[in-house]
Protein backbone atom coordinates (compact mmCIF):
# COMPACT_ATOMS: atom_id res chain seq x y z
CA MET A 1 141.20 0.14 -17.19
CA PRO A 2 141.46 2.29 -13.81
CA GLU A 3 138.79 4.39 -12.42
CA PRO A 4 138.72 8.34 -12.54
CA THR A 5 139.91 9.43 -9.54
CA PRO A 6 137.71 12.08 -7.50
CA GLN A 7 140.69 14.53 -8.50
CA SER A 8 140.21 14.39 -12.03
CA MET A 9 136.26 14.61 -12.05
CA PRO A 10 136.36 18.74 -11.15
CA LYS A 11 138.33 19.22 -14.21
CA TYR A 12 136.00 17.67 -16.94
CA LEU A 13 133.38 19.17 -14.76
CA GLN A 14 135.14 22.43 -14.79
CA ILE A 15 134.97 22.40 -18.78
CA ILE A 16 131.72 21.49 -19.29
CA ILE A 17 130.56 24.38 -16.81
CA ILE A 18 132.94 26.97 -18.90
CA ILE A 19 131.39 26.05 -22.06
CA GLY A 20 127.76 26.34 -20.82
CA ALA A 21 128.79 29.27 -19.57
CA LEU A 22 130.19 31.05 -22.87
CA LEU A 23 127.13 29.37 -24.70
CA LEU A 24 124.74 31.23 -21.97
CA VAL A 25 126.57 34.88 -22.53
CA THR A 26 126.88 33.93 -26.24
CA ALA A 27 123.06 33.48 -26.15
CA THR A 28 121.85 36.14 -23.95
CA ALA A 29 124.56 38.74 -26.37
CA LEU A 30 122.30 37.90 -29.21
CA ILE A 31 118.85 38.25 -27.55
CA THR A 32 119.83 41.62 -25.60
CA TYR A 33 120.96 42.94 -29.26
CA LYS A 34 118.20 42.14 -31.01
CA ILE A 35 115.89 43.88 -27.96
CA VAL A 36 117.82 47.00 -28.19
CA GLU A 37 117.97 47.10 -32.06
CA ILE A 38 114.60 46.81 -32.47
CA SER A 39 113.68 49.59 -29.53
CA GLU A 40 116.42 51.82 -31.14
CA ARG A 41 114.53 51.77 -34.50
CA GLN A 42 111.22 52.12 -33.60
CA LYS A 43 112.22 54.81 -31.30
CA ARG A 44 114.33 56.64 -33.73
CA ILE A 45 111.89 56.15 -36.76
CA GLU A 46 108.80 56.87 -35.20
CA ASP A 47 109.24 59.59 -32.54
CA GLU A 48 112.51 61.15 -32.63
CA VAL A 49 112.36 64.54 -34.42
CA THR A 50 114.88 67.49 -34.14
CA LYS A 51 112.47 70.42 -34.01
CA GLN A 52 113.77 73.68 -36.63
CA LYS A 53 115.10 76.46 -34.08
CA GLU A 54 116.45 80.18 -34.66
CA LEU A 55 119.93 80.22 -32.87
CA ALA A 56 121.96 83.85 -32.48
CA ASP A 57 122.96 85.65 -35.65
CA ASN A 58 120.16 84.71 -37.67
CA ILE A 59 121.22 81.21 -38.06
CA TRP A 60 118.60 78.46 -38.48
CA ARG A 61 118.70 74.73 -37.32
CA SER A 62 116.94 72.39 -39.66
CA GLN A 63 114.32 70.35 -38.48
CA THR A 64 115.79 66.50 -38.77
CA GLU A 65 114.16 63.38 -38.73
CA PHE A 66 115.12 59.82 -40.06
CA ALA A 67 113.22 58.44 -43.00
CA THR A 68 113.20 55.05 -45.16
CA ARG A 69 114.62 55.20 -48.46
CA LYS A 70 111.64 55.28 -49.78
CA ASP A 71 109.62 58.13 -47.94
CA LEU A 72 113.26 60.15 -48.16
CA GLU A 73 113.11 59.87 -52.64
CA SER A 74 109.85 60.31 -52.05
CA PHE A 75 110.60 63.77 -49.88
CA ILE A 76 112.90 64.86 -52.61
CA GLN A 77 110.83 64.29 -55.70
CA GLY A 78 108.16 66.38 -53.76
CA ASN A 79 110.20 69.00 -53.62
CA GLY A 80 110.89 69.62 -57.52
CA VAL A 81 114.24 67.49 -57.50
CA ASN A 82 114.72 64.89 -60.28
CA VAL A 83 115.57 62.13 -57.37
CA GLY A 84 116.31 59.65 -60.94
CA VAL A 85 119.15 61.93 -62.54
CA ILE A 86 120.70 62.26 -58.67
CA LYS A 87 120.97 58.53 -58.28
CA GLN A 88 121.97 57.46 -61.68
CA ASP A 89 125.38 60.23 -61.13
CA LEU A 90 125.69 58.53 -57.72
CA ASP A 91 125.22 54.77 -59.39
CA ARG A 92 128.53 55.74 -61.18
CA LEU A 93 130.32 57.22 -58.00
CA GLN A 94 129.36 53.98 -56.14
CA ALA A 95 127.47 56.58 -53.42
CA GLU A 96 123.80 56.83 -52.25
CA ILE A 97 121.74 59.40 -50.87
CA ALA A 98 121.94 59.70 -46.94
CA ALA A 99 119.88 63.28 -46.26
CA ALA A 100 118.22 65.73 -47.90
CA ASN A 101 117.75 69.54 -46.30
CA ILE A 102 115.15 71.99 -47.94
CA ILE A 103 115.13 75.23 -47.03
CA ILE A 104 112.33 77.44 -47.74
CA PHE A 105 111.99 81.81 -47.36
CA LYS A 106 109.43 83.69 -47.98
CA SER A 107 109.13 87.22 -49.71
CA LEU A 108 105.94 88.87 -48.67
CA GLY A 109 105.10 90.84 -51.58
CA SER A 110 103.20 94.08 -51.38
CA PHE A 111 100.57 96.32 -52.55
CA ARG A 112 100.38 100.26 -52.08
CA THR A 113 98.71 103.27 -53.73
CA ASP A 114 99.19 106.96 -53.47
CA LEU A 115 102.59 106.57 -52.75
CA PRO A 116 105.37 109.65 -52.87
CA SER A 117 107.98 109.93 -55.55
CA ILE A 118 111.74 110.71 -55.07
CA PRO A 119 113.04 113.78 -57.12
CA GLY A 120 115.19 112.51 -60.05
CA ALA A 121 117.09 113.71 -62.67
CA PRO A 122 116.01 117.36 -64.02
CA ASN A 123 114.28 117.74 -67.26
CA PRO A 124 117.27 119.35 -69.59
CA ASN A 125 114.99 121.40 -71.89
CA TYR A 126 112.46 122.26 -68.82
CA THR A 127 111.38 125.88 -69.36
CA PRO A 128 108.83 126.94 -66.82
CA PRO A 129 105.05 127.07 -68.23
CA VAL A 130 103.71 130.52 -69.18
CA CYS A 131 100.02 131.90 -68.88
CA LYS A 132 98.51 134.27 -71.52
CA ASP A 133 99.34 137.11 -69.63
CA GLY A 134 102.95 136.53 -70.17
CA THR A 135 103.42 135.05 -66.82
CA VAL A 136 104.79 132.08 -65.22
CA CYS A 137 102.02 129.94 -64.19
CA PRO A 138 103.41 127.59 -61.27
CA ASP A 139 99.62 125.98 -61.10
CA ILE A 140 100.19 124.10 -64.43
CA ASP A 141 102.84 122.30 -63.12
CA LYS A 142 102.21 122.44 -59.61
CA TYR A 143 103.85 119.12 -58.73
CA LYS A 144 106.91 119.55 -60.82
CA TYR A 145 106.51 116.75 -62.85
CA PHE A 146 107.61 118.32 -66.01
CA SER A 147 110.91 119.87 -64.52
CA ARG A 148 112.11 116.55 -63.06
CA GLN A 149 111.83 112.26 -63.59
CA ASP A 150 110.26 111.20 -60.55
CA ILE A 151 111.77 107.89 -59.41
CA HIS A 152 109.93 105.46 -57.25
CA PRO A 153 111.99 102.56 -55.00
CA LEU A 154 111.27 98.91 -55.07
CA PHE A 155 111.45 96.91 -52.19
CA GLU A 156 111.05 93.17 -51.54
CA ASN A 157 109.75 92.67 -48.04
CA PHE A 158 110.65 89.75 -45.82
CA ASP A 159 109.83 89.29 -42.35
CA LYS A 160 111.22 92.31 -40.51
CA ILE A 161 113.28 93.28 -43.43
CA GLN A 162 113.55 94.83 -46.60
CA VAL A 163 115.80 94.02 -49.32
CA PRO A 164 116.06 96.56 -52.60
CA LEU A 165 115.03 95.76 -55.47
CA GLY A 166 115.52 99.01 -57.65
CA ASN A 167 113.34 101.71 -58.92
CA VAL A 168 111.08 102.83 -61.82
CA GLY A 169 111.01 106.62 -63.37
CA PHE A 170 108.80 108.49 -65.31
CA SER A 171 109.53 111.49 -67.30
CA ALA A 172 106.43 113.31 -67.93
CA TRP A 173 108.11 115.40 -70.77
CA LYS A 174 109.20 112.30 -73.31
CA GLU A 175 107.10 110.20 -75.20
CA ASN A 176 107.99 106.91 -73.76
CA PRO A 177 107.90 107.92 -70.04
CA TRP A 178 109.59 104.84 -68.31
CA SER A 179 112.70 103.65 -66.95
CA GLU A 180 113.77 100.89 -64.96
CA TYR A 181 116.87 100.05 -63.18
CA LEU A 182 117.05 96.88 -61.37
CA LEU A 183 119.95 96.10 -58.64
CA PRO A 184 122.23 93.13 -59.46
CA ARG A 185 121.53 90.49 -56.43
CA GLU A 186 123.87 87.77 -54.93
CA TYR A 187 121.93 85.19 -53.26
CA LYS A 188 123.89 83.21 -50.97
CA VAL A 189 122.66 80.07 -48.80
CA ALA A 190 125.27 78.46 -46.13
CA ASN A 191 124.51 74.92 -44.61
CA ILE A 192 126.75 73.55 -42.07
CA VAL A 193 126.35 69.70 -41.62
CA ALA A 194 127.00 67.83 -38.33
CA THR A 195 126.83 64.19 -37.19
CA ASP A 196 126.44 62.89 -34.12
CA GLU A 197 127.76 59.46 -32.32
CA ASN A 198 124.67 57.95 -34.23
CA GLU A 199 125.63 59.20 -37.51
CA ARG A 200 122.32 61.41 -37.31
CA ILE A 201 123.06 64.63 -39.42
CA TYR A 202 122.40 68.27 -38.45
CA PHE A 203 121.88 71.19 -40.56
CA TYR A 204 122.52 74.91 -39.93
CA ASN A 205 121.70 77.41 -42.41
CA LYS A 206 121.85 81.03 -43.22
CA ILE A 207 120.48 82.71 -46.38
CA ILE A 208 122.30 86.04 -47.25
CA ILE A 209 121.03 88.28 -50.01
CA LYS A 210 123.52 91.18 -51.30
CA ALA A 211 121.96 94.14 -53.11
CA ASP A 212 123.60 97.51 -53.94
CA ASN A 213 126.59 96.47 -51.88
CA LYS A 214 125.25 95.45 -48.93
CA GLU A 215 124.07 92.37 -47.53
CA TYR A 216 120.76 91.35 -45.98
CA GLU A 217 120.47 88.53 -43.60
CA ILE A 218 117.12 86.42 -44.81
CA PRO A 219 114.94 84.90 -42.18
CA ILE A 220 114.09 81.56 -43.14
CA TYR A 221 110.65 80.15 -43.10
CA GLN A 222 111.05 76.15 -43.18
CA ALA A 223 114.05 74.18 -43.14
CA ASN A 224 113.71 70.52 -43.24
CA VAL A 225 115.64 67.30 -43.41
CA LYS A 226 115.05 63.91 -44.67
CA GLN A 227 118.08 61.46 -43.36
CA GLN A 228 117.81 57.60 -44.44
CA TYR A 229 117.60 55.34 -41.31
CA PRO A 230 120.41 53.10 -41.06
CA GLU A 231 119.84 49.76 -41.83
CA ALA A 232 122.13 46.77 -40.80
CA LYS A 233 123.71 44.85 -43.38
CA TRP A 234 126.66 42.51 -44.27
CA SER A 235 129.65 43.64 -45.09
CA PHE A 236 131.56 40.75 -46.62
CA TRP A 237 135.30 42.42 -46.78
CA ASN A 238 135.55 44.98 -43.83
CA PRO A 239 139.33 44.04 -42.96
CA ARG A 240 139.76 45.69 -39.44
CA LEU A 241 142.49 45.06 -36.62
CA PHE A 242 141.88 44.16 -33.04
CA LEU A 243 143.87 44.30 -29.98
CA GLY A 244 142.23 41.22 -27.71
CA ALA A 245 142.76 39.13 -24.65
CA ASP A 246 141.18 36.06 -23.82
CA GLY A 247 140.86 33.71 -20.85
CA GLY A 248 139.87 30.24 -21.03
CA VAL A 249 140.66 26.61 -20.30
CA GLY A 250 143.16 24.06 -22.22
CA VAL A 251 141.60 20.40 -23.52
CA ASN A 252 145.01 18.78 -23.18
CA PRO A 253 146.52 19.18 -21.14
CA VAL A 254 143.36 20.55 -19.04
CA GLN A 255 144.60 24.02 -17.38
CA GLY A 256 143.54 27.66 -17.37
CA GLU A 257 144.89 30.15 -19.88
CA PHE A 258 145.32 33.99 -20.45
CA ILE A 259 145.68 35.00 -24.59
CA PRO A 260 146.87 38.55 -25.29
CA SER A 261 146.03 38.63 -29.07
CA LEU A 262 146.22 40.66 -32.60
CA SER A 263 143.77 39.39 -34.94
CA LEU A 264 142.25 40.54 -38.42
CA GLY A 265 138.32 40.88 -38.57
CA ILE A 266 137.48 40.18 -42.62
CA MET A 267 133.68 40.50 -42.50
CA SER A 268 131.21 42.54 -40.38
CA TYR A 269 127.39 42.98 -39.63
CA GLY A 270 125.72 45.90 -38.73
CA LYS A 271 124.38 49.62 -39.43
CA PHE A 272 127.67 51.41 -39.87
CA LYS A 273 130.45 49.87 -41.34
CA THR A 274 132.83 52.04 -39.35
CA ASN A 275 131.21 50.79 -35.96
CA PRO A 276 129.74 47.42 -37.01
CA ASP A 277 127.37 45.72 -34.29
CA PHE A 278 129.27 42.18 -35.35
CA SER A 279 132.92 41.33 -36.09
CA VAL A 280 132.55 37.93 -38.00
CA LEU A 281 135.78 35.73 -38.84
CA GLN A 282 138.69 37.17 -37.03
CA ILE A 283 141.77 35.33 -37.79
CA GLY A 284 145.31 35.83 -35.36
CA ALA A 285 148.14 35.20 -33.49
CA GLY A 286 148.73 35.40 -29.42
CA TYR A 287 150.79 34.12 -26.78
CA GLY A 288 149.63 32.24 -23.82
CA VAL A 289 150.90 33.66 -20.50
CA VAL A 290 150.60 30.15 -18.60
CA SER A 291 152.02 27.56 -21.31
CA GLN A 292 154.48 30.48 -22.46
CA MET A 293 153.74 29.63 -26.02
CA PHE A 294 152.48 31.07 -29.39
CA LYS A 295 149.16 30.32 -30.47
CA PHE A 296 146.76 30.96 -33.47
CA SER A 297 143.41 32.12 -33.07
CA PHE A 298 139.99 31.89 -34.27
CA THR A 299 137.03 33.96 -33.02
CA PRO A 300 133.77 33.22 -35.33
CA PHE A 301 131.75 36.52 -34.39
CA ALA A 302 132.01 38.96 -31.60
CA TYR A 303 129.36 41.19 -30.68
CA ASN A 304 129.88 45.02 -30.26
CA VAL A 305 129.18 45.48 -26.49
CA GLY A 306 131.10 49.08 -26.34
CA GLN A 307 127.93 50.57 -28.18
CA HIS A 308 126.36 50.48 -25.00
CA LEU A 309 128.82 52.26 -23.11
CA PRO A 310 129.66 55.68 -22.74
CA PHE A 311 133.88 55.09 -22.81
CA MET A 312 134.60 52.77 -25.12
CA LYS A 313 132.23 52.43 -29.05
CA ASN A 314 134.73 49.88 -30.01
CA MET A 315 134.93 46.68 -27.78
CA TYR A 316 133.87 43.31 -28.86
CA LEU A 317 132.68 40.38 -26.55
CA GLY A 318 133.03 36.59 -28.05
CA PRO A 319 134.08 33.02 -28.22
CA SER A 320 137.36 31.97 -29.60
CA VAL A 321 139.42 28.91 -30.06
CA HIS A 322 143.11 28.91 -29.84
CA VAL A 323 145.49 26.38 -31.00
CA SER A 324 149.35 26.40 -29.99
CA THR A 325 152.39 24.52 -32.30
CA ASP A 326 151.80 21.28 -30.09
CA GLY A 327 148.14 20.82 -31.15
CA ASN A 328 146.60 22.13 -27.51
CA VAL A 329 143.41 23.43 -28.20
CA ASN A 330 142.01 26.53 -26.00
CA ILE A 331 138.29 27.22 -25.59
CA MET A 332 138.12 30.73 -24.63
CA ALA A 333 136.11 34.18 -24.06
CA GLY A 334 137.40 37.34 -24.64
CA LEU A 335 137.35 41.20 -25.22
CA ARG A 336 138.71 42.70 -28.52
CA VAL A 337 139.17 46.50 -28.68
CA GLY A 338 138.96 47.87 -32.86
CA LEU A 339 141.99 49.32 -33.77
């Protein structure tokens, strides 16, 4: 058997070095992922709270914070909403609760005495009181209670604003002297929902009461949002196309190769199905630039390094195996961009 020539040794060493480097990069990516995931989860759950804030035009942003599923359901139940009924309906819709926004606005109430009245409708049967000498006696009806109905307006008091409720009237000449008039009222609560790149939800709220053909903007006392913190989970069927490029070496013959490819990801793992942390089981095809042959590709998993970059949220790095029609196998690593 001929001894290996000095020229052949570097090729095998090159393969070993590339495979070792590939394993090192993969292990480093996995370790980095776990560290970042744990750090982000603790930071968001324990520390990050977006405070309630009043904006212009009497618009209020709710206080927003992440919560576990159990805490979110307790928050809903504690505010008088039957979460069990909601969950039963969501089960039929194959959906789940993501967030709850609870708004509280307060009417201040009032207690006042010795208030003046407003002249109302006149007494149609009124005749001025007559004294014994036949003259009009103004002191008998000094405040003109018998000559007209007296009306007192009612208001609901909020912070720096009054909304009319209606009025009560008193007709002193009647056996049943009281009357009431309550204005029809319309209540409107506007919730505007916004999300950021981490799927965090923000609610902007405005409350309007319409009474007597006029709209009154009501100050909000409290507005809180509890959103369920997204947990990483498997999606065993999450098909997605990826455009990629791989670099590495072929086994037989031993030579470098560069392969642009198109692949289909079958599974995923992560907090968000649309932007998972891992794409799992990608199969596809590409064309070897060096060998000038079509190749079938298989990527067992690829990590989303793009989530740590400001410009690309769906860029994946991972190992891959490519097989050409002549049986040559390429061990490679490459980048994938989700389409």
